[in-house]
């Protein structure tokens, strides 16, 4: 999986990024199956944005398969008025 991300990163120029939101594409790039989340890739880094419910497991999977990938938990804030 690291090779897949590295291939994408090498295709991107300095000011370019790609946003991956599809379930199958996220699984292909991260090895983690989830119903929500996104992967943001630049030529220097890749970040997996995931719902806080999946954070611990996602971090475990990404660190195992991607060696140093970043996982960030998304938090949804509801305005209860």
PDB file of N, CA and C in Angstrom:
ATOM      1  N   UNK A   1       0.805  -1.194   0.000  1.00  0.00           N
ATOM      2  CA  UNK A   1       0.000   0.000   0.000  1.00  0.00           C
ATOM      3  C   UNK A   1       0.850   1.261   0.000  1.00  0.00           C
ATOM      4  N   UNK A   2       1.993   1.198   0.656  1.00  0.00           N
ATOM      5  CA  UNK A   2       2.882   2.354   0.644  1.00  0.00           C
ATOM      6  C   UNK A   2       3.308   2.670  -0.780  1.00  0.00           C
ATOM      7  N   UNK A   3       3.553   1.653  -1.583  1.00  0.00           N
ATOM      8  CA  UNK A   3       3.955   1.874  -2.975  1.00  0.00           C
ATOM      9  C   UNK A   3       2.840   2.590  -3.752  1.00  0.00           C
ATOM     10  N   UNK A   4       1.586   2.252  -3.467  1.00  0.00           N
ATOM     11  CA  UNK A   4       0.461   2.901  -4.142  1.00  0.00           C
ATOM     12  C   UNK A   4       0.436   4.394  -3.847  1.00  0.00           C
ATOM     13  N   UNK A   5       0.604   4.737  -2.561  1.00  0.00           N
ATOM     14  CA  UNK A   5       0.625   6.157  -2.180  1.00  0.00           C
ATOM     15  C   UNK A   5       1.834   6.860  -2.761  1.00  0.00           C
ATOM     16  N   UNK A   6       2.984   6.205  -2.716  1.00  0.00           N
ATOM     17  CA  UNK A   6       4.195   6.821  -3.250  1.00  0.00           C
ATOM     18  C   UNK A   6       4.067   7.097  -4.743  1.00  0.00           C
ATOM     19  N   UNK A   7       3.425   6.198  -5.472  1.00  0.00           N
ATOM     20  CA  UNK A   7       3.203   6.403  -6.900  1.00  0.00           C
ATOM     21  C   UNK A   7       2.366   7.647  -7.142  1.00  0.00           C
ATOM     22  N   UNK A   8       1.284   7.794  -6.373  1.00  0.00           N
ATOM     23  CA  UNK A   8       0.446   8.995  -6.499  1.00  0.00           C
ATOM     24  C   UNK A   8       1.216  10.251  -6.118  1.00  0.00           C
ATOM     25  N   UNK A   9       1.950  10.193  -5.026  1.00  0.00           N
ATOM     26  CA  UNK A   9       2.709  11.351  -4.567  1.00  0.00           C
ATOM     27  C   UNK A   9       3.708  11.803  -5.626  1.00  0.00           C
ATOM     28  N   UNK A  10       4.336  10.867  -6.300  1.00  0.00           N
ATOM     29  CA  UNK A  10       5.330  11.196  -7.320  1.00  0.00           C
ATOM     30  C   UNK A  10       4.715  11.850  -8.551  1.00  0.00           C
ATOM     31  N   UNK A  11       3.440  11.641  -8.772  1.00  0.00           N
ATOM     32  CA  UNK A  11       2.753  12.238  -9.922  1.00  0.00           C
ATOM     33  C   UNK A  11       2.293  13.677  -9.659  1.00  0.00           C
ATOM     34  N   UNK A  12       2.269  14.068  -8.396  1.00  0.00           N
ATOM     35  CA  UNK A  12       1.772  15.402  -8.036  1.00  0.00           C
ATOM     36  C   UNK A  12       2.891  16.432  -8.036  1.00  0.00           C
ATOM     37  N   UNK A  13       2.597  17.613  -8.542  1.00  0.00           N
ATOM     38  CA  UNK A  13       3.555  18.725  -8.522  1.00  0.00           C
ATOM     39  C   UNK A  13       3.439  19.456  -7.178  1.00  0.00           C
ATOM     40  N   UNK A  14       4.297  20.439  -6.956  1.00  0.00           N
ATOM     41  CA  UNK A  14       4.374  21.132  -5.664  1.00  0.00           C
ATOM     42  C   UNK A  14       3.058  21.687  -5.158  1.00  0.00           C
ATOM     43  N   UNK A  15       2.242  22.269  -6.002  1.00  0.00           N
ATOM     44  CA  UNK A  15       1.008  22.902  -5.544  1.00  0.00           C
ATOM     45  C   UNK A  15      -0.227  22.062  -5.810  1.00  0.00           C
ATOM     46  N   UNK A  16      -0.052  20.788  -5.989  1.00  0.00           N
ATOM     47  CA  UNK A  16      -1.185  19.919  -6.272  1.00  0.00           C
ATOM     48  C   UNK A  16      -1.479  19.002  -5.091  1.00  0.00           C
ATOM     49  N   UNK A  17      -2.751  18.611  -5.010  1.00  0.00           N
ATOM     50  CA  UNK A  17      -3.187  17.650  -4.000  1.00  0.00           C
ATOM     51  C   UNK A  17      -4.334  16.857  -4.600  1.00  0.00           C
ATOM     52  N   UNK A  18      -4.579  15.702  -4.037  1.00  0.00           N
ATOM     53  CA  UNK A  18      -5.701  14.878  -4.460  1.00  0.00           C
ATOM     54  C   UNK A  18      -6.490  14.496  -3.209  1.00  0.00           C
ATOM     55  N   UNK A  19      -7.806  14.532  -3.342  1.00  0.00           N
ATOM     56  CA  UNK A  19      -8.707  14.182  -2.245  1.00  0.00           C
ATOM     57  C   UNK A  19      -9.436  12.903  -2.632  1.00  0.00           C
ATOM     58  N   UNK A  20      -9.258  11.864  -1.840  1.00  0.00           N
ATOM     59  CA  UNK A  20      -9.885  10.567  -2.088  1.00  0.00           C
ATOM     60  C   UNK A  20     -11.000  10.376  -1.064  1.00  0.00           C
ATOM     61  N   UNK A  21     -12.243  10.207  -1.541  1.00  0.00           N
ATOM     62  CA  UNK A  21     -13.365  10.044  -0.607  1.00  0.00           C
ATOM     63  C   UNK A  21     -14.123   8.736  -0.797  1.00  0.00           C
ATOM     64  N   UNK A  22     -13.958   8.066  -1.901  1.00  0.00           N
ATOM     65  CA  UNK A  22     -14.699   6.831  -2.160  1.00  0.00           C
ATOM     66  C   UNK A  22     -14.257   5.690  -1.257  1.00  0.00           C
ATOM     67  N   UNK A  23     -15.219   4.894  -0.795  1.00  0.00           N
ATOM     68  CA  UNK A  23     -14.937   3.785   0.127  1.00  0.00           C
ATOM     69  C   UNK A  23     -13.881   2.827  -0.418  1.00  0.00           C
ATOM     70  N   UNK A  24     -14.056   2.398  -1.653  1.00  0.00           N
ATOM     71  CA  UNK A  24     -13.144   1.416  -2.244  1.00  0.00           C
ATOM     72  C   UNK A  24     -11.761   2.023  -2.454  1.00  0.00           C
ATOM     73  N   UNK A  25     -11.716   3.271  -2.867  1.00  0.00           N
ATOM     74  CA  UNK A  25     -10.426   3.931  -3.084  1.00  0.00           C
ATOM     75  C   UNK A  25      -9.673   4.136  -1.771  1.00  0.00           C
ATOM     76  N   UNK A  26     -10.403   4.496  -0.699  1.00  0.00           N
ATOM     77  CA  UNK A  26      -9.758   4.631   0.623  1.00  0.00           C
ATOM     78  C   UNK A  26      -9.197   3.289   1.076  1.00  0.00           C
ATOM     79  N   UNK A  27      -9.980   2.237   0.894  1.00  0.00           N
ATOM     80  CA  UNK A  27      -9.524   0.894   1.270  1.00  0.00           C
ATOM     81  C   UNK A  27      -8.274   0.522   0.479  1.00  0.00           C
ATOM     82  N   UNK A  28      -8.275   0.781  -0.812  1.00  0.00           N
ATOM     83  CA  UNK A  28      -7.148   0.460  -1.686  1.00  0.00           C
ATOM     84  C   UNK A  28      -5.872   1.172  -1.235  1.00  0.00           C
ATOM     85  N   UNK A  29      -6.007   2.425  -0.812  1.00  0.00           N
ATOM     86  CA  UNK A  29      -4.834   3.207  -0.439  1.00  0.00           C
ATOM     87  C   UNK A  29      -4.384   3.027   1.005  1.00  0.00           C
ATOM     88  N   UNK A  30      -5.315   2.719   1.904  1.00  0.00           N
ATOM     89  CA  UNK A  30      -4.959   2.662   3.328  1.00  0.00           C
ATOM     90  C   UNK A  30      -5.010   1.264   3.938  1.00  0.00           C
ATOM     91  N   UNK A  31      -5.776   0.370   3.320  1.00  0.00           N
ATOM     92  CA  UNK A  31      -5.962  -0.951   3.915  1.00  0.00           C
ATOM     93  C   UNK A  31      -7.015  -0.964   4.994  1.00  0.00           C
ATOM     94  N   UNK A  32      -7.711   0.150   5.167  1.00  0.00           N
ATOM     95  CA  UNK A  32      -8.716   0.262   6.225  1.00  0.00           C
ATOM     96  C   UNK A  32     -10.095   0.430   5.623  1.00  0.00           C
ATOM     97  N   UNK A  33     -11.015  -0.450   6.001  1.00  0.00           N
ATOM     98  CA  UNK A  33     -12.388  -0.393   5.505  1.00  0.00           C
ATOM     99  C   UNK A  33     -13.241   0.421   6.469  1.00  0.00           C
ATOM    100  N   UNK A  34     -13.885   1.458   5.913  1.00  0.00           N
ATOM    101  CA  UNK A  34     -14.754   2.303   6.733  1.00  0.00           C
ATOM    102  C   UNK A  34     -15.839   2.889   5.843  1.00  0.00           C
ATOM    103  N   UNK A  35     -16.893   3.363   6.481  1.00  0.00           N
ATOM    104  CA  UNK A  35     -18.001   3.960   5.734  1.00  0.00           C
ATOM    105  C   UNK A  35     -17.849   5.473   5.595  1.00  0.00           C
ATOM    106  N   UNK A  36     -16.823   6.031   6.202  1.00  0.00           N
ATOM    107  CA  UNK A  36     -16.617   7.481   6.148  1.00  0.00           C
ATOM    108  C   UNK A  36     -15.130   7.785   6.186  1.00  0.00           C
ATOM    109  N   UNK A  37     -14.785   8.979   5.729  1.00  0.00           N
ATOM    110  CA  UNK A  37     -13.396   9.410   5.800  1.00  0.00           C
ATOM    111  C   UNK A  37     -12.902   9.917   4.465  1.00  0.00           C
ATOM    112  N   UNK A  38     -11.659  10.366   4.464  1.00  0.00           N
ATOM    113  CA  UNK A  38     -11.026  10.871   3.248  1.00  0.00           C
ATOM    114  C   UNK A  38      -9.521  10.722   3.382  1.00  0.00           C
ATOM    115  N   UNK A  39      -8.866  10.661   2.237  1.00  0.00           N
ATOM    116  CA  UNK A  39      -7.407  10.656   2.195  1.00  0.00           C
ATOM    117  C   UNK A  39      -6.994  11.869   1.376  1.00  0.00           C
ATOM    118  N   UNK A  40      -6.114  12.685   1.942  1.00  0.00           N
ATOM    119  CA  UNK A  40      -5.572  13.846   1.243  1.00  0.00           C
ATOM    120  C   UNK A  40      -4.106  13.539   0.964  1.00  0.00           C
ATOM    121  N   UNK A  41      -3.718  13.667  -0.316  1.00  0.00           N
ATOM    122  CA  UNK A  41      -2.357  13.331  -0.715  1.00  0.00           C
ATOM    123  C   UNK A  41      -1.737  14.527  -1.433  1.00  0.00           C
ATOM    124  N   UNK A  42      -0.511  14.883  -1.024  1.00  0.00           N
ATOM    125  CA  UNK A  42       0.296  15.863  -1.738  1.00  0.00           C
ATOM    126  C   UNK A  42       1.578  15.146  -2.168  1.00  0.00           C
ATOM    127  N   UNK A  43       2.472  15.869  -2.819  1.00  0.00           N
ATOM    128  CA  UNK A  43       3.716  15.205  -3.218  1.00  0.00           C
ATOM    129  C   UNK A  43       4.634  14.927  -2.030  1.00  0.00           C
ATOM    130  N   UNK A  44       4.305  15.467  -0.858  1.00  0.00           N
ATOM    131  CA  UNK A  44       5.151  15.264   0.321  1.00  0.00           C
ATOM    132  C   UNK A  44       4.524  14.413   1.418  1.00  0.00           C
ATOM    133  N   UNK A  45       3.201  14.369   1.470  1.00  0.00           N
ATOM    134  CA  UNK A  45       2.563  13.673   2.584  1.00  0.00           C
ATOM    135  C   UNK A  45       1.201  13.114   2.193  1.00  0.00           C
ATOM    136  N   UNK A  46       0.712  12.229   3.038  1.00  0.00           N
ATOM    137  CA  UNK A  46      -0.647  11.708   2.899  1.00  0.00           C
ATOM    138  C   UNK A  46      -1.282  11.709   4.283  1.00  0.00           C
ATOM    139  N   UNK A  47      -2.535  12.144   4.345  1.00  0.00           N
ATOM    140  CA  UNK A  47      -3.249  12.214   5.621  1.00  0.00           C
ATOM    141  C   UNK A  47      -4.584  11.507   5.462  1.00  0.00           C
ATOM    142  N   UNK A  48      -4.896  10.639   6.409  1.00  0.00           N
ATOM    143  CA  UNK A  48      -6.160   9.908   6.434  1.00  0.00           C
ATOM    144  C   UNK A  48      -7.053  10.583   7.465  1.00  0.00           C
ATOM    145  N   UNK A  49      -8.146  11.188   7.000  1.00  0.00           N
ATOM    146  CA  UNK A  49      -9.116  11.843   7.883  1.00  0.00           C
ATOM    147  C   UNK A  49     -10.246  10.849   8.132  1.00  0.00           C
ATOM    148  N   UNK A  50     -10.512  10.577   9.388  1.00  0.00           N
ATOM    149  CA  UNK A  50     -11.474   9.516   9.716  1.00  0.00           C
ATOM    150  C   UNK A  50     -12.348   9.935  10.897  1.00  0.00           C
ATOM    151  N   UNK A  51     -13.533   9.433  10.914  1.00  0.00           N
ATOM    152  CA  UNK A  51     -14.468   9.653  12.012  1.00  0.00           C
ATOM    153  C   UNK A  51     -13.832   9.151  13.317  1.00  0.00           C
ATOM    154  N   UNK A  52     -14.046   9.893  14.383  1.00  0.00           N
ATOM    155  CA  UNK A  52     -13.417   9.554  15.663  1.00  0.00           C
ATOM    156  C   UNK A  52     -13.749   8.137  16.140  1.00  0.00           C
ATOM    157  N   UNK A  53     -14.865   7.580  15.698  1.00  0.00           N
ATOM    158  CA  UNK A  53     -15.234   6.218  16.123  1.00  0.00           C
ATOM    159  C   UNK A  53     -14.255   5.176  15.605  1.00  0.00           C
ATOM    160  N   UNK A  54     -13.587   5.464  14.504  1.00  0.00           N
ATOM    161  CA  UNK A  54     -12.665   4.517  13.883  1.00  0.00           C
ATOM    162  C   UNK A  54     -11.200   4.834  14.169  1.00  0.00           C
ATOM    163  N   UNK A  55     -10.945   5.892  14.888  1.00  0.00           N
ATOM    164  CA  UNK A  55      -9.590   6.421  14.998  1.00  0.00           C
ATOM    165  C   UNK A  55      -8.556   5.397  15.459  1.00  0.00           C
ATOM    166  N   UNK A  56      -8.789   4.743  16.560  1.00  0.00           N
ATOM    167  CA  UNK A  56      -7.786   3.818  17.117  1.00  0.00           C
ATOM    168  C   UNK A  56      -7.448   2.694  16.152  1.00  0.00           C
ATOM    169  N   UNK A  57      -8.475   2.056  15.583  1.00  0.00           N
ATOM    170  CA  UNK A  57      -8.237   0.959  14.643  1.00  0.00           C
ATOM    171  C   UNK A  57      -7.578   1.472  13.367  1.00  0.00           C
ATOM    172  N   UNK A  58      -8.019   2.612  12.868  1.00  0.00           N
ATOM    173  CA  UNK A  58      -7.435   3.184  11.649  1.00  0.00           C
ATOM    174  C   UNK A  58      -5.959   3.500  11.857  1.00  0.00           C
ATOM    175  N   UNK A  59      -5.638   4.071  12.993  1.00  0.00           N
ATOM    176  CA  UNK A  59      -4.244   4.400  13.296  1.00  0.00           C
ATOM    177  C   UNK A  59      -3.386   3.133  13.310  1.00  0.00           C
ATOM    178  N   UNK A  60      -3.897   2.081  13.907  1.00  0.00           N
ATOM    179  CA  UNK A  60      -3.191   0.800  13.966  1.00  0.00           C
ATOM    180  C   UNK A  60      -2.930   0.252  12.554  1.00  0.00           C
ATOM    181  N   UNK A  61      -3.961   0.245  11.728  1.00  0.00           N
ATOM    182  CA  UNK A  61      -3.847  -0.297  10.371  1.00  0.00           C
ATOM    183  C   UNK A  61      -2.916   0.555   9.517  1.00  0.00           C
ATOM    184  N   UNK A  62      -3.086   1.860   9.561  1.00  0.00           N
ATOM    185  CA  UNK A  62      -2.269   2.753   8.737  1.00  0.00           C
ATOM    186  C   UNK A  62      -0.801   2.681   9.152  1.00  0.00           C
ATOM    187  N   UNK A  63      -0.531   2.679  10.436  1.00  0.00           N
ATOM    188  CA  UNK A  63       0.857   2.598  10.894  1.00  0.00           C
ATOM    189  C   UNK A  63       1.500   1.275  10.487  1.00  0.00           C
ATOM    190  N   UNK A  64       0.725   0.210  10.488  1.00  0.00           N
ATOM    191  CA  UNK A  64       1.240  -1.110  10.101  1.00  0.00           C
ATOM    192  C   UNK A  64       1.554  -1.157   8.607  1.00  0.00           C
ATOM    193  N   UNK A  65       0.635  -0.671   7.791  1.00  0.00           N
ATOM    194  CA  UNK A  65       0.783  -0.805   6.344  1.00  0.00           C
ATOM    195  C   UNK A  65       1.537   0.331   5.680  1.00  0.00           C
ATOM    196  N   UNK A  66       1.489   1.515   6.248  1.00  0.00           N
ATOM    197  CA  UNK A  66       2.055   2.675   5.554  1.00  0.00           C
ATOM    198  C   UNK A  66       3.304   3.237   6.215  1.00  0.00           C
ATOM    199  N   UNK A  67       3.701   2.714   7.347  1.00  0.00           N
ATOM    200  CA  UNK A  67       4.936   3.120   7.999  1.00  0.00           C
ATOM    201  C   UNK A  67       5.094   4.638   8.090  1.00  0.00           C
ATOM    202  N   UNK A  68       4.392   5.219   9.028  1.00  0.00           N
ATOM    203  CA  UNK A  68       4.532   6.651   9.250  1.00  0.00           C
ATOM    204  C   UNK A  68       3.423   7.494   8.650  1.00  0.00           C
ATOM    205  N   UNK A  69       2.366   6.878   8.203  1.00  0.00           N
ATOM    206  CA  UNK A  69       1.233   7.653   7.686  1.00  0.00           C
ATOM    207  C   UNK A  69       0.555   8.409   8.814  1.00  0.00           C
ATOM    208  N   UNK A  70      -0.177   9.424   8.460  1.00  0.00           N
ATOM    209  CA  UNK A  70      -0.868  10.246   9.450  1.00  0.00           C
ATOM    210  C   UNK A  70      -2.354   9.927   9.458  1.00  0.00           C
ATOM    211  N   UNK A  71      -2.922   9.793  10.640  1.00  0.00           N
ATOM    212  CA  UNK A  71      -4.360   9.595  10.791  1.00  0.00           C
ATOM    213  C   UNK A  71      -4.876  10.709  11.682  1.00  0.00           C
ATOM    214  N   UNK A  72      -5.900  11.399  11.204  1.00  0.00           N
ATOM    215  CA  UNK A  72      -6.499  12.484  11.980  1.00  0.00           C
ATOM    216  C   UNK A  72      -7.967  12.167  12.175  1.00  0.00           C
ATOM    217  N   UNK A  73      -8.439  12.255  13.414  1.00  0.00           N
ATOM    218  CA  UNK A  73      -9.850  12.003  13.695  1.00  0.00           C
ATOM    219  C   UNK A  73     -10.653  13.255  13.393  1.00  0.00           C
ATOM    220  N   UNK A  74     -11.732  13.065  12.688  1.00  0.00           N
ATOM    221  CA  UNK A  74     -12.655  14.162  12.424  1.00  0.00           C
ATOM    222  C   UNK A  74     -13.679  14.200  13.551  1.00  0.00           C
ATOM    223  N   UNK A  75     -14.013  15.361  13.993  1.00  0.00           N
ATOM    224  CA  UNK A  75     -15.063  15.514  14.989  1.00  0.00           C
ATOM    225  C   UNK A  75     -16.165  16.377  14.410  1.00  0.00           C
ATOM    226  N   UNK A  76     -17.369  15.909  14.527  1.00  0.00           N
ATOM    227  CA  UNK A  76     -18.519  16.686  14.076  1.00  0.00           C
ATOM    228  C   UNK A  76     -19.082  17.410  15.284  1.00  0.00           C
ATOM    229  N   UNK A  77     -19.204  18.715  15.168  1.00  0.00           N
ATOM    230  CA  UNK A  77     -19.735  19.517  16.280  1.00  0.00           C
ATOM    231  C   UNK A  77     -21.150  19.940  15.908  1.00  0.00           C
ATOM    232  N   UNK A  78     -22.102  19.530  16.710  1.00  0.00           N
ATOM    233  CA  UNK A  78     -23.511  19.889  16.460  1.00  0.00           C
ATOM    234  C   UNK A  78     -23.854  21.119  17.269  1.00  0.00           C
ATOM    235  N   UNK A  79     -24.623  22.005  16.683  1.00  0.00           N
ATOM    236  CA  UNK A  79     -25.064  23.203  17.369  1.00  0.00           C
ATOM    237  C   UNK A  79     -26.478  22.947  17.901  1.00  0.00           C
ATOM    238  N   UNK A  80     -26.571  22.660  19.148  1.00  0.00           N
ATOM    239  CA  UNK A  80     -27.874  22.370  19.768  1.00  0.00           C
ATOM    240  C   UNK A  80     -28.439  23.635  20.381  1.00  0.00           C
ATOM    241  N   UNK A  81     -29.415  24.207  19.698  1.00  0.00           N
ATOM    242  CA  UNK A  81     -30.014  25.442  20.214  1.00  0.00           C
ATOM    243  C   UNK A  81     -31.403  25.176  20.721  1.00  0.00           C
TER     244      UNK A  81
END
